[in-house]
Amino acid sequence: EGLASKIKFKKANSEDDEIDPFTKEERKAIIECFKSNRYYNHYANYVQFLFLTGARPSEVIALQWKHISTKSIKFEQAIVKGEKGLVLKDGLKTQQRRKFPVNVHLLALINEMAGGSIGNQNPEAFVFLGARGEWIHIDNFRDRAWKTVLSESNVRYRKPYQTRHTFITMAIEAGVSLPQVAKWAGNSPQVIMEHYAGTIAQVNVPEF
């Protein structure tokens, strides 16, 4: 009696630990397939935004136009599961807020979504919504749109969260410093090194 309380179970891996990034070719195939899909093209911008920022899906679906400018994106809230459904909460998983810089590709996407001018958008409106104007439910999106499109594009199935791992892995492979990648992703350099050191492509030993 009482021994059951002392049994320790190994903590289940979170999506942050399950790192299996997409290749550049797979990323392109997924985005293009979303754009051309008759039923799920509504989510093409959302998927492209995930790949371009490496942000967590819960952070992206919580974005309002007031958080976006032509220079940066402010992540400071998330939409998560509550007892009575989806709820909007202040703060992020590992920090209160962070700022993400807008590059040329991201700026082109933002301008396209905004119809050419961010100033024409209602600051309080959410940037990414479901096809019926509701918050995107991550599980429903994954089970319907995501699985369908990956199957049609002949890409091996991985969860939507792998868009984040793809961004981080590609940034490291491109030579971006670990502290900078960590700042963009909202993690510490130590976490980035521990999680991604074994996933980046091997490169030739430089001459020195």
Protein backbone atom coordinates (compact mmCIF):
# COMPACT_ATOMS: atom_id res chain seq x y z
CA GLU A 1 0.00 0.00 0.00
CA GLY A 2 1.33 3.42 -0.94
CA LEU A 3 3.89 2.09 -3.43
CA ALA A 4 1.81 3.18 -6.44
CA SER A 5 2.45 6.83 -5.65
CA LYS A 6 6.19 6.24 -5.93
CA ILE A 7 6.11 4.79 -9.43
CA LYS A 8 7.59 7.24 -11.93
CA PHE A 9 6.55 7.21 -15.57
CA LYS A 10 8.69 8.53 -18.36
CA LYS A 11 7.30 11.82 -19.59
CA ALA A 12 5.74 11.51 -23.03
CA ASN A 13 7.56 13.34 -25.79
CA SER A 14 6.07 16.68 -26.70
CA GLU A 15 5.84 18.03 -30.22
CA ASP A 16 8.96 20.08 -29.45
CA ASP A 17 10.91 16.82 -29.06
CA GLU A 18 9.60 15.02 -32.15
CA ILE A 19 11.84 16.57 -34.78
CA ASP A 20 11.38 15.30 -38.33
CA PRO A 21 11.63 18.33 -40.65
CA PHE A 22 10.47 18.59 -44.23
CA THR A 23 12.92 19.10 -47.09
CA LYS A 24 12.81 22.22 -49.26
CA GLU A 25 11.18 20.17 -52.01
CA GLU A 26 8.54 18.82 -49.64
CA ARG A 27 7.85 22.29 -48.28
CA LYS A 28 7.29 23.61 -51.79
CA ALA A 29 5.07 20.67 -52.72
CA ILE A 30 2.88 21.14 -49.63
CA ILE A 31 2.40 24.87 -50.20
CA GLU A 32 1.62 24.43 -53.89
CA CYS A 33 -0.82 21.63 -53.18
CA PHE A 34 -2.67 23.76 -50.63
CA LYS A 35 -2.92 26.58 -53.16
CA SER A 36 -4.41 24.30 -55.80
CA ASN A 37 -6.65 22.21 -53.55
CA ARG A 38 -10.32 22.82 -54.25
CA TYR A 39 -11.44 22.36 -50.66
CA TYR A 40 -8.49 23.54 -48.57
CA ASN A 41 -6.87 26.40 -50.53
CA HIS A 42 -8.26 28.72 -47.85
CA TYR A 43 -5.40 27.55 -45.61
CA ALA A 44 -2.56 28.06 -48.09
CA ASN A 45 -1.46 31.39 -46.57
CA TYR A 46 -1.62 29.95 -43.04
CA VAL A 47 0.61 27.02 -44.01
CA GLN A 48 3.09 29.24 -45.86
CA PHE A 49 3.23 31.58 -42.85
CA LEU A 50 4.05 28.63 -40.56
CA PHE A 51 6.94 27.61 -42.79
CA LEU A 52 8.27 31.17 -43.11
CA THR A 53 8.25 32.00 -39.39
CA GLY A 54 8.76 28.73 -37.54
CA ALA A 55 6.17 29.94 -35.04
CA ARG A 56 4.02 27.51 -33.10
CA PRO A 57 0.56 27.00 -34.69
CA SER A 58 -1.10 28.19 -31.47
CA GLU A 59 0.78 31.50 -31.76
CA VAL A 60 0.02 32.00 -35.45
CA ILE A 61 -3.74 31.49 -35.18
CA ALA A 62 -3.79 34.04 -32.35
CA LEU A 63 -2.27 36.80 -34.49
CA GLN A 64 -4.32 39.94 -35.04
CA TRP A 65 -3.50 42.58 -37.64
CA LYS A 66 -2.36 44.94 -34.88
CA HIS A 67 0.55 42.55 -34.29
CA ILE A 68 1.83 42.79 -37.87
CA SER A 69 3.80 45.52 -39.64
CA THR A 70 6.00 45.58 -42.72
CA LYS A 71 9.05 45.35 -40.43
CA SER A 72 8.14 42.83 -37.75
CA ILE A 73 5.58 40.47 -36.26
CA LYS A 74 4.81 40.54 -32.55
CA PHE A 75 3.90 37.20 -31.00
CA GLU A 76 2.37 37.82 -27.60
CA GLN A 77 -0.67 35.56 -27.27
CA ALA A 78 -1.85 32.06 -28.16
CA ILE A 79 -5.08 30.17 -28.73
CA VAL A 80 -5.13 26.99 -26.67
CA LYS A 81 -7.58 24.32 -25.53
CA GLY A 82 -9.59 25.18 -22.45
CA GLU A 83 -12.19 23.23 -20.49
CA LYS A 84 -14.95 24.69 -22.63
CA GLY A 85 -13.12 24.82 -25.95
CA LEU A 86 -10.55 27.15 -27.50
CA VAL A 87 -9.50 30.18 -25.48
CA LEU A 88 -7.22 33.16 -26.14
CA LYS A 89 -4.48 33.62 -23.55
CA ASP A 90 -1.81 36.25 -23.07
CA GLY A 91 1.79 35.14 -23.27
CA LEU A 92 3.53 32.33 -25.11
CA LYS A 93 4.73 28.85 -24.18
CA THR A 94 8.25 29.81 -23.09
CA GLN A 95 8.10 33.60 -22.85
CA GLN A 96 5.74 36.52 -22.56
CA ARG A 97 6.31 37.88 -26.07
CA ARG A 98 8.82 38.04 -28.90
CA LYS A 99 9.37 40.00 -32.10
CA PHE A 100 10.06 38.31 -35.42
CA PRO A 101 11.66 40.22 -38.34
CA VAL A 102 9.89 40.34 -41.71
CA ASN A 103 12.01 39.32 -44.70
CA VAL A 104 11.23 39.76 -48.40
CA HIS A 105 9.28 36.52 -48.77
CA LEU A 106 7.24 37.09 -45.63
CA LEU A 107 6.53 40.69 -46.64
CA ALA A 108 5.20 39.53 -50.01
CA LEU A 109 2.86 37.09 -48.27
CA ILE A 110 1.67 39.72 -45.78
CA ASN A 111 0.93 42.23 -48.53
CA GLU A 112 -0.97 39.59 -50.47
CA MET A 113 -3.09 38.68 -47.45
CA ALA A 114 -3.71 42.35 -46.64
CA GLY A 115 -4.78 43.19 -50.17
CA GLY A 116 -1.77 45.45 -50.67
CA SER A 117 -1.99 47.50 -47.47
CA ILE A 118 -1.97 46.43 -43.83
CA GLY A 119 -3.56 49.77 -42.97
CA ASN A 120 -6.79 48.69 -44.62
CA GLN A 121 -7.25 45.85 -42.13
CA ASN A 122 -9.16 46.03 -38.85
CA PRO A 123 -6.40 45.96 -36.18
CA GLU A 124 -8.53 43.74 -33.93
CA ALA A 125 -9.34 41.20 -36.66
CA PHE A 126 -7.58 37.84 -36.58
CA VAL A 127 -5.25 37.24 -39.51
CA PHE A 128 -5.93 33.53 -39.94
CA LEU A 129 -9.40 32.08 -39.51
CA GLY A 130 -11.14 28.88 -40.53
CA ALA A 131 -13.22 28.62 -43.69
CA ARG A 132 -16.34 29.62 -41.73
CA GLY A 133 -14.74 32.57 -39.99
CA GLU A 134 -13.96 30.77 -36.74
CA TRP A 135 -10.64 30.22 -34.96
CA ILE A 136 -8.62 27.49 -36.62
CA HIS A 137 -8.88 24.33 -34.54
CA ILE A 138 -5.43 22.78 -34.85
CA ASP A 139 -6.61 19.17 -34.44
CA ASN A 140 -9.40 19.51 -36.99
CA PHE A 141 -7.06 21.22 -39.43
CA ARG A 142 -4.52 18.43 -39.03
CA ASP A 143 -7.02 15.58 -39.41
CA ARG A 144 -8.79 17.02 -42.44
CA ALA A 145 -6.89 19.57 -44.50
CA TRP A 146 -3.31 18.67 -43.56
CA LYS A 147 -3.59 14.91 -43.95
CA THR A 148 -5.46 15.26 -47.23
CA VAL A 149 -2.99 17.67 -48.79
CA LEU A 150 0.11 15.74 -47.72
CA SER A 151 -1.38 12.60 -49.22
CA GLU A 152 -2.15 14.37 -52.49
CA SER A 153 1.33 15.89 -52.65
CA ASN A 154 3.00 12.50 -52.01
CA VAL A 155 4.81 13.82 -48.94
CA ARG A 156 5.39 11.46 -46.03
CA TYR A 157 3.07 12.41 -43.19
CA ARG A 158 4.37 14.53 -40.35
CA LYS A 159 2.37 16.77 -38.03
CA PRO A 160 1.88 20.49 -38.85
CA TYR A 161 4.21 21.30 -35.94
CA GLN A 162 7.05 20.07 -38.14
CA THR A 163 6.79 23.36 -40.04
CA ARG A 164 8.46 24.89 -36.98
CA HIS A 165 11.20 22.27 -36.91
CA THR A 166 11.69 22.75 -40.64
CA PHE A 167 12.26 26.49 -40.24
CA ILE A 168 14.71 26.06 -37.36
CA THR A 169 16.65 23.28 -39.09
CA MET A 170 16.93 25.22 -42.35
CA ALA A 171 18.03 28.36 -40.51
CA ILE A 172 20.84 26.45 -38.79
CA GLU A 173 21.89 24.80 -42.03
CA ALA A 174 21.97 28.24 -43.67
CA GLY A 175 24.56 29.34 -41.13
CA VAL A 176 22.40 31.48 -38.84
CA SER A 177 23.90 31.54 -35.35
CA LEU A 178 22.23 29.48 -32.63
CA PRO A 179 21.51 32.53 -30.42
CA GLN A 180 19.75 34.23 -33.34
CA VAL A 181 17.73 31.15 -34.26
CA ALA A 182 16.78 30.74 -30.61
CA LYS A 183 15.64 34.35 -30.43
CA TRP A 184 13.45 33.94 -33.52
CA ALA A 185 11.97 30.66 -32.29
CA GLY A 186 11.44 31.64 -28.67
CA ASN A 187 13.84 29.06 -27.20
CA SER A 188 17.24 29.12 -25.56
CA PRO A 189 20.44 28.36 -27.55
CA GLN A 190 20.93 25.34 -25.29
CA VAL A 191 17.54 23.92 -26.25
CA ILE A 192 18.21 24.53 -29.93
CA MET A 193 21.54 22.71 -29.71
CA GLU A 194 20.16 19.77 -27.73
CA HIS A 195 17.18 19.26 -30.04
CA TYR A 196 18.59 20.01 -33.47
CA ALA A 197 22.30 19.12 -33.42
CA GLY A 198 21.54 15.64 -34.73
CA THR A 199 19.07 16.67 -37.42
CA ILE A 200 20.97 19.22 -39.50
CA ALA A 201 22.59 18.08 -42.72
CA GLN A 202 26.27 17.22 -42.51
CA VAL A 203 28.60 19.69 -44.20
CA ASN A 204 32.21 19.44 -45.31
CA VAL A 205 34.90 20.28 -42.78
CA PRO A 206 36.08 23.80 -43.60
CA GLU A 207 39.74 24.51 -44.30
CA PHE A 208 41.53 26.40 -41.53
